PDB file of N, CA and C in Angstrom:
ATOM      1  N   MET A   1     106.049 141.093  57.392  1.00  0.00           N
ATOM      2  CA  MET A   1     106.506 140.489  58.700  1.00  0.00           C
ATOM      3  C   MET A   1     106.634 141.609  59.663  1.00  0.00           C
ATOM      4  N   PRO A   2     106.104 141.716  60.608  1.00  0.00           N
ATOM      5  CA  PRO A   2     106.258 143.099  61.434  1.00  0.00           C
ATOM      6  C   PRO A   2     108.132 142.869  62.229  1.00  0.00           C
ATOM      7  N   GLN A   3     108.373 144.040  62.232  1.00  0.00           N
ATOM      8  CA  GLN A   3     109.735 144.049  62.719  1.00  0.00           C
ATOM      9  C   GLN A   3     109.979 143.853  64.430  1.00  0.00           C
ATOM     10  N   ARG A   4     110.802 143.323  64.733  1.00  0.00           N
ATOM     11  CA  ARG A   4     110.996 142.613  66.189  1.00  0.00           C
ATOM     12  C   ARG A   4     110.750 144.383  66.887  1.00  0.00           C
ATOM     13  N   THR A   5     110.462 144.095  68.103  1.00  0.00           N
ATOM     14  CA  THR A   5     110.170 145.489  68.675  1.00  0.00           C
ATOM     15  C   THR A   5     111.691 145.752  69.414  1.00  0.00           C
ATOM     16  N   LEU A   6     111.714 147.109  69.665  1.00  0.00           N
ATOM     17  CA  LEU A   6     113.094 147.686  70.302  1.00  0.00           C
ATOM     18  C   LEU A   6     113.438 147.400  71.750  1.00  0.00           C
ATOM     19  N   LYS A   7     114.345 146.938  72.138  1.00  0.00           N
ATOM     20  CA  LYS A   7     114.746 146.670  73.476  1.00  0.00           C
ATOM     21  C   LYS A   7     116.028 147.178  73.554  1.00  0.00           C
ATOM     22  N   PRO A   8     116.466 147.401  75.220  1.00  0.00           N
ATOM     23  CA  PRO A   8     117.227 147.689  75.533  1.00  0.00           C
ATOM     24  C   PRO A   8     118.343 146.976  75.229  1.00  0.00           C
ATOM     25  N   CYS A   9     119.883 147.789  75.037  1.00  0.00           N
ATOM     26  CA  CYS A   9     120.916 146.904  75.035  1.00  0.00           C
ATOM     27  C   CYS A   9     121.497 146.080  76.330  1.00  0.00           C
ATOM     28  N   ALA A  10     121.888 145.015  76.601  1.00  0.00           N
ATOM     29  CA  ALA A  10     122.193 144.229  77.709  1.00  0.00           C
ATOM     30  C   ALA A  10     123.457 144.606  78.103  1.00  0.00           C
ATOM     31  N   ALA A  11     124.423 145.414  77.397  1.00  0.00           N
ATOM     32  CA  ALA A  11     125.558 146.038  77.868  1.00  0.00           C
ATOM     33  C   ALA A  11     125.535 146.650  79.203  1.00  0.00           C
ATOM     34  N   ARG A  12     126.374 146.801  80.037  1.00  0.00           N
ATOM     35  CA  ARG A  12     126.482 147.655  81.186  1.00  0.00           C
ATOM     36  C   ARG A  12     126.600 148.909  80.767  1.00  0.00           C
ATOM     37  N   ALA A  13     125.478 149.887  81.539  1.00  0.00           N
ATOM     38  CA  ALA A  13     125.506 151.246  81.199  1.00  0.00           C
ATOM     39  C   ALA A  13     125.554 151.943  79.849  1.00  0.00           C
ATOM     40  N   CYS A  14     124.524 150.871  78.926  1.00  0.00           N
ATOM     41  CA  CYS A  14     124.235 151.369  77.426  1.00  0.00           C
ATOM     42  C   CYS A  14     122.787 151.667  77.450  1.00  0.00           C
ATOM     43  N   ASN A  15     122.302 152.707  76.953  1.00  0.00           N
ATOM     44  CA  ASN A  15     121.005 153.042  76.990  1.00  0.00           C
ATOM     45  C   ASN A  15     120.535 152.915  75.514  1.00  0.00           C
ATOM     46  N   ALA A  16     121.360 152.228  74.580  1.00  0.00           N
ATOM     47  CA  ALA A  16     120.732 152.010  73.003  1.00  0.00           C
ATOM     48  C   ALA A  16     119.647 150.745  72.909  1.00  0.00           C
ATOM     49  N   LEU A  17     118.995 151.577  72.000  1.00  0.00           N
ATOM     50  CA  LEU A  17     117.795 150.567  71.802  1.00  0.00           C
ATOM     51  C   LEU A  17     118.145 149.574  70.768  1.00  0.00           C
ATOM     52  N   THR A  18     117.909 148.643  70.614  1.00  0.00           N
ATOM     53  CA  THR A  18     118.088 147.518  69.380  1.00  0.00           C
ATOM     54  C   THR A  18     116.916 146.424  69.288  1.00  0.00           C
ATOM     55  N   ARG A  19     117.211 146.124  67.916  1.00  0.00           N
ATOM     56  CA  ARG A  19     116.286 144.948  67.562  1.00  0.00           C
ATOM     57  C   ARG A  19     117.042 143.526  67.281  1.00  0.00           C
ATOM     58  N   ASN A  20     118.808 143.617  67.794  1.00  0.00           N
ATOM     59  CA  ASN A  20     119.367 142.421  67.766  1.00  0.00           C
ATOM     60  C   ASN A  20     118.675 141.644  69.076  1.00  0.00           C
ATOM     61  N   ALA A  21     119.106 140.448  69.014  1.00  0.00           N
ATOM     62  CA  ALA A  21     118.720 139.713  70.136  1.00  0.00           C
ATOM     63  C   ALA A  21     118.887 139.873  71.494  1.00  0.00           C
ATOM     64  N   LYS A  22     119.986 140.469  71.820  1.00  0.00           N
ATOM     65  CA  LYS A  22     120.689 141.067  72.999  1.00  0.00           C
ATOM     66  C   LYS A  22     121.612 142.492  72.990  1.00  0.00           C
ATOM     67  N   TYR A  23     122.242 142.575  72.434  1.00  0.00           N
ATOM     68  CA  TYR A  23     122.907 143.760  72.278  1.00  0.00           C
ATOM     69  C   TYR A  23     122.866 144.538  71.184  1.00  0.00           C
ATOM     70  N   CYS A  24     123.279 145.916  71.276  1.00  0.00           N
ATOM     71  CA  CYS A  24     123.171 146.999  70.244  1.00  0.00           C
ATOM     72  C   CYS A  24     124.399 146.779  69.057  1.00  0.00           C
ATOM     73  N   ASP A  25     124.494 147.184  68.111  1.00  0.00           N
ATOM     74  CA  ASP A  25     125.559 147.234  67.101  1.00  0.00           C
ATOM     75  C   ASP A  25     127.045 147.388  67.809  1.00  0.00           C
ATOM     76  N   ALA A  26     127.202 148.086  68.727  1.00  0.00           N
ATOM     77  CA  ALA A  26     128.487 148.572  69.119  1.00  0.00           C
ATOM     78  C   ALA A  26     128.933 147.838  70.600  1.00  0.00           C
ATOM     79  N   HIS A  27     127.875 146.928  70.566  1.00  0.00           N
ATOM     80  CA  HIS A  27     128.283 145.758  71.616  1.00  0.00           C
ATOM     81  C   HIS A  27     128.305 144.228  71.131  1.00  0.00           C
ATOM     82  N   LEU A  28     128.034 144.122  69.933  1.00  0.00           N
ATOM     83  CA  LEU A  28     127.720 142.723  69.281  1.00  0.00           C
ATOM     84  C   LEU A  28     128.858 141.724  70.013  1.00  0.00           C
ATOM     85  N   ASP A  29     130.140 142.354  70.215  1.00  0.00           N
ATOM     86  CA  ASP A  29     131.371 141.460  70.523  1.00  0.00           C
ATOM     87  C   ASP A  29     130.840 140.700  71.715  1.00  0.00           C
ATOM     88  N   LEU A  30     130.116 141.402  72.732  1.00  0.00           N
ATOM     89  CA  LEU A  30     129.921 140.911  73.728  1.00  0.00           C
ATOM     90  C   LEU A  30     129.182 139.283  73.553  1.00  0.00           C
ATOM     91  N   SER A  31     128.300 139.342  72.543  1.00  0.00           N
ATOM     92  CA  SER A  31     127.270 138.386  72.279  1.00  0.00           C
ATOM     93  C   SER A  31     128.054 137.004  72.167  1.00  0.00           C
ATOM     94  N   LYS A  32     129.507 137.320  71.646  1.00  0.00           N
ATOM     95  CA  LYS A  32     130.093 135.762  71.231  1.00  0.00           C
ATOM     96  C   LYS A  32     130.404 134.885  72.309  1.00  0.00           C
ATOM     97  N   ALA A  33     130.367 133.611  72.379  1.00  0.00           N
ATOM     98  CA  ALA A  33     130.382 132.553  72.778  1.00  0.00           C
ATOM     99  C   ALA A  33     131.825 132.555  73.708  1.00  0.00           C
ATOM    100  N   TRP A  34     131.649 131.824  75.068  1.00  0.00           N
ATOM    101  CA  TRP A  34     133.088 132.007  75.858  1.00  0.00           C
ATOM    102  C   TRP A  34     134.086 131.304  75.166  1.00  0.00           C
ATOM    103  N   GLY A  35     135.282 131.620  75.352  1.00  0.00           N
ATOM    104  CA  GLY A  35     136.169 131.143  74.797  1.00  0.00           C
ATOM    105  C   GLY A  35     136.601 131.604  73.418  1.00  0.00           C
ATOM    106  N   THR A  36     135.815 132.601  72.841  1.00  0.00           N
ATOM    107  CA  THR A  36     136.137 133.162  71.406  1.00  0.00           C
ATOM    108  C   THR A  36     137.059 134.572  71.593  1.00  0.00           C
ATOM    109  N   ARG A  37     136.653 135.286  72.893  1.00  0.00           N
ATOM    110  CA  ARG A  37     137.310 136.306  73.290  1.00  0.00           C
ATOM    111  C   ARG A  37     138.881 136.407  73.086  1.00  0.00           C
ATOM    112  N   GLN A  38     139.235 137.641  73.034  1.00  0.00           N
ATOM    113  CA  GLN A  38     141.086 137.637  73.559  1.00  0.00           C
ATOM    114  C   GLN A  38     141.007 137.633  74.866  1.00  0.00           C
ATOM    115  N   GLY A  39     142.215 136.830  75.360  1.00  0.00           N
ATOM    116  CA  GLY A  39     142.240 136.456  76.487  1.00  0.00           C
ATOM    117  C   GLY A  39     142.282 134.887  76.810  1.00  0.00           C
ATOM    118  N   SER A  40     141.541 134.127  75.827  1.00  0.00           N
ATOM    119  CA  SER A  40     141.084 133.055  76.203  1.00  0.00           C
ATOM    120  C   SER A  40     142.422 132.164  75.425  1.00  0.00           C
ATOM    121  N   GLY A  41     142.358 130.783  75.590  1.00  0.00           N
ATOM    122  CA  GLY A  41     143.271 129.797  75.314  1.00  0.00           C
ATOM    123  C   GLY A  41     144.506 129.374  76.167  1.00  0.00           C
ATOM    124  N   ARG A  42     145.669 129.498  75.515  1.00  0.00           N
ATOM    125  CA  ARG A  42     146.725 128.967  76.625  1.00  0.00           C
ATOM    126  C   ARG A  42     146.966 130.126  77.223  1.00  0.00           C
ATOM    127  N   GLY A  43     146.608 129.801  78.684  1.00  0.00           N
ATOM    128  CA  GLY A  43     147.240 130.737  79.796  1.00  0.00           C
ATOM    129  C   GLY A  43     146.681 132.059  80.081  1.00  0.00           C
ATOM    130  N   GLY A  44     145.469 132.768  78.908  1.00  0.00           N
ATOM    131  CA  GLY A  44     145.026 133.851  79.130  1.00  0.00           C
ATOM    132  C   GLY A  44     145.763 135.077  79.023  1.00  0.00           C
ATOM    133  N   ARG A  45     145.573 135.876  79.890  1.00  0.00           N
ATOM    134  CA  ARG A  45     146.213 136.901  80.381  1.00  0.00           C
ATOM    135  C   ARG A  45     147.547 137.094  80.844  1.00  0.00           C
ATOM    136  N   PRO A  46     147.637 136.095  81.726  1.00  0.00           N
ATOM    137  CA  PRO A  46     149.163 135.991  82.215  1.00  0.00           C
ATOM    138  C   PRO A  46     149.969 135.423  81.212  1.00  0.00           C
ATOM    139  N   TRP A  47     149.482 134.683  79.923  1.00  0.00           N
ATOM    140  CA  TRP A  47     150.595 134.026  79.094  1.00  0.00           C
ATOM    141  C   TRP A  47     150.870 135.433  78.209  1.00  0.00           C
ATOM    142  N   ARG A  48     149.647 136.291  77.800  1.00  0.00           N
ATOM    143  CA  ARG A  48     149.774 137.217  76.750  1.00  0.00           C
ATOM    144  C   ARG A  48     151.009 138.381  77.294  1.00  0.00           C
ATOM    145  N   ARG A  49     150.795 138.419  78.990  1.00  0.00           N
ATOM    146  CA  ARG A  49     151.764 139.395  79.141  1.00  0.00           C
ATOM    147  C   ARG A  49     152.941 139.020  79.093  1.00  0.00           C
ATOM    148  N   LEU A  50     153.329 137.746  79.616  1.00  0.00           N
ATOM    149  CA  LEU A  50     154.636 137.132  79.405  1.00  0.00           C
ATOM    150  C   LEU A  50     155.242 137.045  77.967  1.00  0.00           C
ATOM    151  N   ARG A  51     154.503 136.563  76.834  1.00  0.00           N
ATOM    152  CA  ARG A  51     154.386 136.773  75.648  1.00  0.00           C
ATOM    153  C   ARG A  51     154.848 138.314  75.219  1.00  0.00           C
ATOM    154  N   ASP A  52     154.315 139.416  75.205  1.00  0.00           N
ATOM    155  CA  ASP A  52     154.491 140.358  75.331  1.00  0.00           C
ATOM    156  C   ASP A  52     156.246 140.909  75.797  1.00  0.00           C
ATOM    157  N   GLN A  53     156.281 140.578  76.854  1.00  0.00           N
ATOM    158  CA  GLN A  53     157.735 140.743  77.418  1.00  0.00           C
ATOM    159  C   GLN A  53     158.626 139.997  76.680  1.00  0.00           C
ATOM    160  N   VAL A  54     158.497 138.881  76.310  1.00  0.00           N
ATOM    161  CA  VAL A  54     159.502 138.300  75.379  1.00  0.00           C
ATOM    162  C   VAL A  54     160.089 138.470  73.983  1.00  0.00           C
ATOM    163  N   LEU A  55     158.610 139.163  73.788  1.00  0.00           N
ATOM    164  CA  LEU A  55     158.619 139.625  72.350  1.00  0.00           C
ATOM    165  C   LEU A  55     159.610 140.934  72.305  1.00  0.00           C
ATOM    166  N   ALA A  56     159.299 141.952  73.616  1.00  0.00           N
ATOM    167  CA  ALA A  56     159.861 143.029  73.506  1.00  0.00           C
ATOM    168  C   ALA A  56     161.533 143.046  73.829  1.00  0.00           C
ATOM    169  N   ARG A  57     161.790 141.908  74.977  1.00  0.00           N
ATOM    170  CA  ARG A  57     163.039 141.582  75.313  1.00  0.00           C
ATOM    171  C   ARG A  57     163.774 141.247  73.674  1.00  0.00           C
ATOM    172  N   ASP A  58     163.396 140.510  73.173  1.00  0.00           N
ATOM    173  CA  ASP A  58     163.881 139.925  71.677  1.00  0.00           C
ATOM    174  C   ASP A  58     163.587 140.971  70.662  1.00  0.00           C
ATOM    175  N   GLN A  59     163.380 142.204  71.006  1.00  0.00           N
ATOM    176  CA  GLN A  59     163.278 143.406  69.931  1.00  0.00           C
ATOM    177  C   GLN A  59     162.527 143.018  68.927  1.00  0.00           C
ATOM    178  N   TYR A  60     161.351 141.853  69.217  1.00  0.00           N
ATOM    179  CA  TYR A  60     160.498 141.620  68.136  1.00  0.00           C
ATOM    180  C   TYR A  60     161.159 141.209  66.783  1.00  0.00           C
ATOM    181  N   LEU A  61     162.264 140.146  66.718  1.00  0.00           N
ATOM    182  CA  LEU A  61     163.066 139.810  65.811  1.00  0.00           C
ATOM    183  C   LEU A  61     163.214 138.330  66.223  1.00  0.00           C
ATOM    184  N   CYS A  62     163.396 137.141  64.941  1.00  0.00           N
ATOM    185  CA  CYS A  62     163.151 136.155  65.395  1.00  0.00           C
ATOM    186  C   CYS A  62     164.424 135.315  65.809  1.00  0.00           C
ATOM    187  N   ARG A  63     164.626 134.742  67.089  1.00  0.00           N
ATOM    188  CA  ARG A  63     165.778 134.157  67.676  1.00  0.00           C
ATOM    189  C   ARG A  63     166.129 132.705  67.338  1.00  0.00           C
ATOM    190  N   CYS A  64     165.564 132.201  66.382  1.00  0.00           N
ATOM    191  CA  CYS A  64     165.615 130.689  66.420  1.00  0.00           C
ATOM    192  C   CYS A  64     167.084 130.400  65.877  1.00  0.00           C
ATOM    193  N   GLU A  65     167.462 129.005  66.051  1.00  0.00           N
ATOM    194  CA  GLU A  65     168.805 128.606  65.756  1.00  0.00           C
ATOM    195  C   GLU A  65     169.169 129.189  64.144  1.00  0.00           C
ATOM    196  N   GLU A  66     168.561 129.116  63.343  1.00  0.00           N
ATOM    197  CA  GLU A  66     168.724 129.190  62.081  1.00  0.00           C
ATOM    198  C   GLU A  66     168.681 130.585  61.613  1.00  0.00           C
ATOM    199  N   CYS A  67     168.024 131.255  62.069  1.00  0.00           N
ATOM    200  CA  CYS A  67     168.336 132.872  61.965  1.00  0.00           C
ATOM    201  C   CYS A  67     169.485 133.288  62.652  1.00  0.00           C
ATOM    202  N   VAL A  68     169.466 132.982  63.766  1.00  0.00           N
ATOM    203  CA  VAL A  68     170.595 133.436  64.400  1.00  0.00           C
ATOM    204  C   VAL A  68     172.348 133.019  63.907  1.00  0.00           C
ATOM    205  N   GLN A  69     172.300 131.824  63.431  1.00  0.00           N
ATOM    206  CA  GLN A  69     173.211 131.443  62.552  1.00  0.00           C
ATOM    207  C   GLN A  69     173.589 132.170  61.321  1.00  0.00           C
ATOM    208  N   LEU A  70     172.276 132.300  60.473  1.00  0.00           N
ATOM    209  CA  LEU A  70     172.508 132.917  59.151  1.00  0.00           C
ATOM    210  C   LEU A  70     172.365 134.355  59.411  1.00  0.00           C
ATOM    211  N   GLY A  71     172.303 134.792  60.344  1.00  0.00           N
ATOM    212  CA  GLY A  71     172.191 136.502  60.696  1.00  0.00           C
ATOM    213  C   GLY A  71     171.038 136.671  59.892  1.00  0.00           C
ATOM    214  N   ARG A  72     169.965 136.209  59.662  1.00  0.00           N
ATOM    215  CA  ARG A  72     168.910 136.440  58.717  1.00  0.00           C
ATOM    216  C   ARG A  72     167.793 137.304  59.895  1.00  0.00           C
ATOM    217  N   VAL A  73     167.467 138.493  59.440  1.00  0.00           N
ATOM    218  CA  VAL A  73     166.517 139.194  60.001  1.00  0.00           C
ATOM    219  C   VAL A  73     165.068 139.162  59.872  1.00  0.00           C
ATOM    220  N   ARG A  74     164.362 138.356  60.773  1.00  0.00           N
ATOM    221  CA  ARG A  74     162.788 138.099  60.166  1.00  0.00           C
ATOM    222  C   ARG A  74     162.118 138.682  61.299  1.00  0.00           C
ATOM    223  N   ALA A  75     160.924 139.379  61.099  1.00  0.00           N
ATOM    224  CA  ALA A  75     159.863 139.806  62.390  1.00  0.00           C
ATOM    225  C   ALA A  75     159.552 138.582  63.291  1.00  0.00           C
ATOM    226  N   ALA A  76     159.570 138.851  64.507  1.00  0.00           N
ATOM    227  CA  ALA A  76     158.873 137.309  65.096  1.00  0.00           C
ATOM    228  C   ALA A  76     157.522 137.821  65.665  1.00  0.00           C
ATOM    229  N   THR A  77     156.477 136.973  65.422  1.00  0.00           N
ATOM    230  CA  THR A  77     155.448 137.207  65.602  1.00  0.00           C
ATOM    231  C   THR A  77     154.704 136.173  66.503  1.00  0.00           C
ATOM    232  N   GLU A  78     155.583 135.134  67.402  1.00  0.00           N
ATOM    233  CA  GLU A  78     155.298 134.413  68.102  1.00  0.00           C
ATOM    234  C   GLU A  78     156.225 134.232  69.260  1.00  0.00           C
ATOM    235  N   VAL A  79     155.829 133.505  70.311  1.00  0.00           N
ATOM    236  CA  VAL A  79     156.899 133.174  71.320  1.00  0.00           C
ATOM    237  C   VAL A  79     157.070 131.396  71.297  1.00  0.00           C
ATOM    238  N   ASP A  80     158.263 131.130  71.250  1.00  0.00           N
ATOM    239  CA  ASP A  80     158.830 129.711  71.281  1.00  0.00           C
ATOM    240  C   ASP A  80     159.305 129.126  72.473  1.00  0.00           C
ATOM    241  N   HIS A  81     158.810 127.790  72.908  1.00  0.00           N
ATOM    242  CA  HIS A  81     159.646 127.180  74.357  1.00  0.00           C
ATOM    243  C   HIS A  81     160.799 126.746  73.748  1.00  0.00           C
ATOM    244  N   ILE A  82     162.031 127.211  74.099  1.00  0.00           N
ATOM    245  CA  ILE A  82     163.162 126.410  73.523  1.00  0.00           C
ATOM    246  C   ILE A  82     163.269 124.811  73.872  1.00  0.00           C
ATOM    247  N   VAL A  83     162.924 124.982  75.083  1.00  0.00           N
ATOM    248  CA  VAL A  83     162.682 123.403  75.507  1.00  0.00           C
ATOM    249  C   VAL A  83     161.315 123.151  75.754  1.00  0.00           C
ATOM    250  N   ALA A  84     160.432 122.157  74.891  1.00  0.00           N
ATOM    251  CA  ALA A  84     159.314 122.130  74.951  1.00  0.00           C
ATOM    252  C   ALA A  84     158.937 121.651  76.411  1.00  0.00           C
ATOM    253  N   LEU A  85     157.398 122.090  76.622  1.00  0.00           N
ATOM    254  CA  LEU A  85     156.911 121.795  77.756  1.00  0.00           C
ATOM    255  C   LEU A  85     156.953 120.291  78.012  1.00  0.00           C
ATOM    256  N   ALA A  86     156.398 119.269  76.828  1.00  0.00           N
ATOM    257  CA  ALA A  86     156.307 117.995  77.032  1.00  0.00           C
ATOM    258  C   ALA A  86     157.590 117.446  77.155  1.00  0.00           C
ATOM    259  N   GLN A  87     158.962 118.295  77.166  1.00  0.00           N
ATOM    260  CA  GLN A  87     159.844 117.780  77.305  1.00  0.00           C
ATOM    261  C   GLN A  87     160.413 118.090  78.581  1.00  0.00           C
ATOM    262  N   GLY A  88     159.898 118.756  79.428  1.00  0.00           N
ATOM    263  CA  GLY A  88     159.999 119.154  80.520  1.00  0.00           C
ATOM    264  C   GLY A  88     160.913 120.571  80.979  1.00  0.00           C
ATOM    265  N   GLY A  89     160.294 121.441  79.695  1.00  0.00           N
ATOM    266  CA  GLY A  89     160.519 123.092  79.457  1.00  0.00           C
ATOM    267  C   GLY A  89     159.441 123.542  80.568  1.00  0.00           C
ATOM    268  N   THR A  90     159.944 124.980  80.737  1.00  0.00           N
ATOM    269  CA  THR A  90     159.329 125.692  81.626  1.00  0.00           C
ATOM    270  C   THR A  90     158.731 127.051  80.821  1.00  0.00           C
ATOM    271  N   ASP A  91     157.625 127.661  81.295  1.00  0.00           N
ATOM    272  CA  ASP A  91     157.532 129.072  80.925  1.00  0.00           C
ATOM    273  C   ASP A  91     158.324 129.874  81.343  1.00  0.00           C
ATOM    274  N   TYR A  92     159.161 129.739  82.242  1.00  0.00           N
ATOM    275  CA  TYR A  92     160.316 130.556  82.627  1.00  0.00           C
ATOM    276  C   TYR A  92     160.697 131.758  81.625  1.00  0.00           C
ATOM    277  N   PRO A  93     160.773 133.041  81.374  1.00  0.00           N
ATOM    278  CA  PRO A  93     161.574 133.670  80.373  1.00  0.00           C
ATOM    279  C   PRO A  93     162.762 133.249  79.933  1.00  0.00           C
ATOM    280  N   SER A  94     163.529 132.762  80.577  1.00  0.00           N
ATOM    281  CA  SER A  94     164.969 132.010  80.027  1.00  0.00           C
ATOM    282  C   SER A  94     164.634 130.937  79.042  1.00  0.00           C
ATOM    283  N   ASN A  95     163.375 130.041  79.202  1.00  0.00           N
ATOM    284  CA  ASN A  95     162.835 129.228  78.193  1.00  0.00           C
ATOM    285  C   ASN A  95     162.511 129.534  76.979  1.00  0.00           C
ATOM    286  N   LEU A  96     161.882 130.889  76.873  1.00  0.00           N
ATOM    287  CA  LEU A  96     161.197 131.231  75.835  1.00  0.00           C
ATOM    288  C   LEU A  96     161.896 132.367  75.116  1.00  0.00           C
ATOM    289  N   ARG A  97     161.701 132.305  73.780  1.00  0.00           N
ATOM    290  CA  ARG A  97     162.528 133.207  72.462  1.00  0.00           C
ATOM    291  C   ARG A  97     161.364 133.828  71.610  1.00  0.00           C
ATOM    292  N   ALA A  98     161.834 134.822  70.967  1.00  0.00           N
ATOM    293  CA  ALA A  98     160.626 135.251  69.854  1.00  0.00           C
ATOM    294  C   ALA A  98     161.037 134.378  68.663  1.00  0.00           C
ATOM    295  N   ILE A  99     159.713 134.328  67.914  1.00  0.00           N
ATOM    296  CA  ILE A  99     160.485 133.282  66.830  1.00  0.00           C
ATOM    297  C   ILE A  99     159.163 133.655  65.661  1.00  0.00           C
ATOM    298  N   HIS A 100     159.824 133.639  64.463  1.00  0.00           N
ATOM    299  CA  HIS A 100     159.074 133.853  63.314  1.00  0.00           C
ATOM    300  C   HIS A 100     158.015 132.890  63.335  1.00  0.00           C
ATOM    301  N   HIS A 101     156.864 133.095  62.632  1.00  0.00           N
ATOM    302  CA  HIS A 101     155.728 132.062  62.482  1.00  0.00           C
ATOM    303  C   HIS A 101     156.217 130.848  61.649  1.00  0.00           C
ATOM    304  N   ASP A 102     156.922 130.956  60.543  1.00  0.00           N
ATOM    305  CA  ASP A 102     157.389 129.996  59.809  1.00  0.00           C
ATOM    306  C   ASP A 102     158.552 129.230  60.414  1.00  0.00           C
ATOM    307  N   CYS A 103     159.372 129.780  61.111  1.00  0.00           N
ATOM    308  CA  CYS A 103     160.387 129.160  61.664  1.00  0.00           C
ATOM    309  C   CYS A 103     159.861 128.405  63.136  1.00  0.00           C
ATOM    310  N   HIS A 104     158.626 128.705  63.398  1.00  0.00           N
ATOM    311  CA  HIS A 104     157.945 128.023  64.479  1.00  0.00           C
ATOM    312  C   HIS A 104     157.544 126.546  64.004  1.00  0.00           C
ATOM    313  N   LYS A 105     156.624 126.731  62.888  1.00  0.00           N
ATOM    314  CA  LYS A 105     156.246 125.945  62.150  1.00  0.00           C
ATOM    315  C   LYS A 105     157.248 124.782  61.714  1.00  0.00           C
ATOM    316  N   LEU A 106     158.312 125.181  61.224  1.00  0.00           N
ATOM    317  CA  LEU A 106     159.109 124.158  60.922  1.00  0.00           C
ATOM    318  C   LEU A 106     159.682 123.584  62.211  1.00  0.00           C
ATOM    319  N   LYS A 107     160.022 124.185  63.227  1.00  0.00           N
ATOM    320  CA  LYS A 107     160.751 123.967  64.470  1.00  0.00           C
ATOM    321  C   LYS A 107     159.536 122.662  64.817  1.00  0.00           C
ATOM    322  N   THR A 108     158.182 123.232  65.063  1.00  0.00           N
ATOM    323  CA  THR A 108     157.069 122.238  65.918  1.00  0.00           C
ATOM    324  C   THR A 108     157.166 120.815  64.970  1.00  0.00           C
ATOM    325  N   ALA A 109     157.297 121.216  63.725  1.00  0.00           N
ATOM    326  CA  ALA A 109     157.324 119.800  62.636  1.00  0.00           C
ATOM    327  C   ALA A 109     158.585 118.900  62.774  1.00  0.00           C
ATOM    328  N   ARG A 110     159.556 119.390  63.308  1.00  0.00           N
ATOM    329  CA  ARG A 110     161.212 118.651  63.647  1.00  0.00           C
ATOM    330  C   ARG A 110     160.924 118.218  64.982  1.00  0.00           C
ATOM    331  N   GLU A 111     160.349 118.776  65.613  1.00  0.00           N
ATOM    332  CA  GLU A 111     159.693 118.107  67.082  1.00  0.00           C
ATOM    333  C   GLU A 111     159.155 117.160  67.014  1.00  0.00           C
ATOM    334  N   ALA A 112     157.995 117.480  66.380  1.00  0.00           N
ATOM    335  CA  ALA A 112     156.932 116.422  66.291  1.00  0.00           C
ATOM    336  C   ALA A 112     157.491 114.877  65.499  1.00  0.00           C
ATOM    337  N   GLN A 113     158.314 115.224  64.397  1.00  0.00           N
ATOM    338  CA  GLN A 113     158.870 114.040  63.894  1.00  0.00           C
ATOM    339  C   GLN A 113     160.019 113.207  64.938  1.00  0.00           C
ATOM    340  N   ALA A 114     160.983 114.117  65.873  1.00  0.00           N
ATOM    341  CA  ALA A 114     161.581 113.416  66.762  1.00  0.00           C
ATOM    342  C   ALA A 114     160.886 112.542  67.765  1.00  0.00           C
ATOM    343  N   ALA A 115     160.055 113.083  68.239  1.00  0.00           N
ATOM    344  CA  ALA A 115     159.229 112.373  68.939  1.00  0.00           C
ATOM    345  C   ALA A 115     158.120 111.058  68.490  1.00  0.00           C
ATOM    346  N   ARG A 116     157.837 111.171  67.230  1.00  0.00           N
ATOM    347  CA  ARG A 116     157.142 109.855  66.504  1.00  0.00           C
ATOM    348  C   ARG A 116     158.611 108.866  66.483  1.00  0.00           C
ATOM    349  N   GLY A 117     159.632 109.523  66.100  1.00  0.00           N
ATOM    350  CA  GLY A 117     160.839 108.656  65.667  1.00  0.00           C
ATOM    351  C   GLY A 117     161.326 107.647  66.781  1.00  0.00           C
ATOM    352  N   SER A 118     161.139 108.543  67.825  1.00  0.00           N
ATOM    353  CA  SER A 118     161.891 108.006  69.205  1.00  0.00           C
ATOM    354  C   SER A 118     160.904 107.127  70.008  1.00  0.00           C
ATOM    355  N   GLY A 119     159.677 107.262  69.739  1.00  0.00           N
ATOM    356  CA  GLY A 119     158.582 106.246  70.394  1.00  0.00           C
ATOM    357  C   GLY A 119     158.351 105.397  70.147  1.00  0.00           C
TER     358      GLY A 119
END
């Protein structure tokens, strides 16, 4: 079977030739579907900036009630709403804190259980 003909890469200002569908190997990430790139999802760039501010403010350490009470030091990888948005919380930095992934899962599970029990 003959190979595809070489075509110019569709990326702006790229002069590379490729046999791929649209982009050269250096620009394959541009061929991903919308919504799969960094910046999509909850809030996009504004949320990422706020998230980074909160993590830096909290020195990348978990600030959940349990870790603070026990004096436990864990690296925070996520940002948590102290008062959930569903409960009337906001995206203001005063309602956000850095939290470890496992702590966040436990807190979310407790909130979901409480919501199911009170409903």
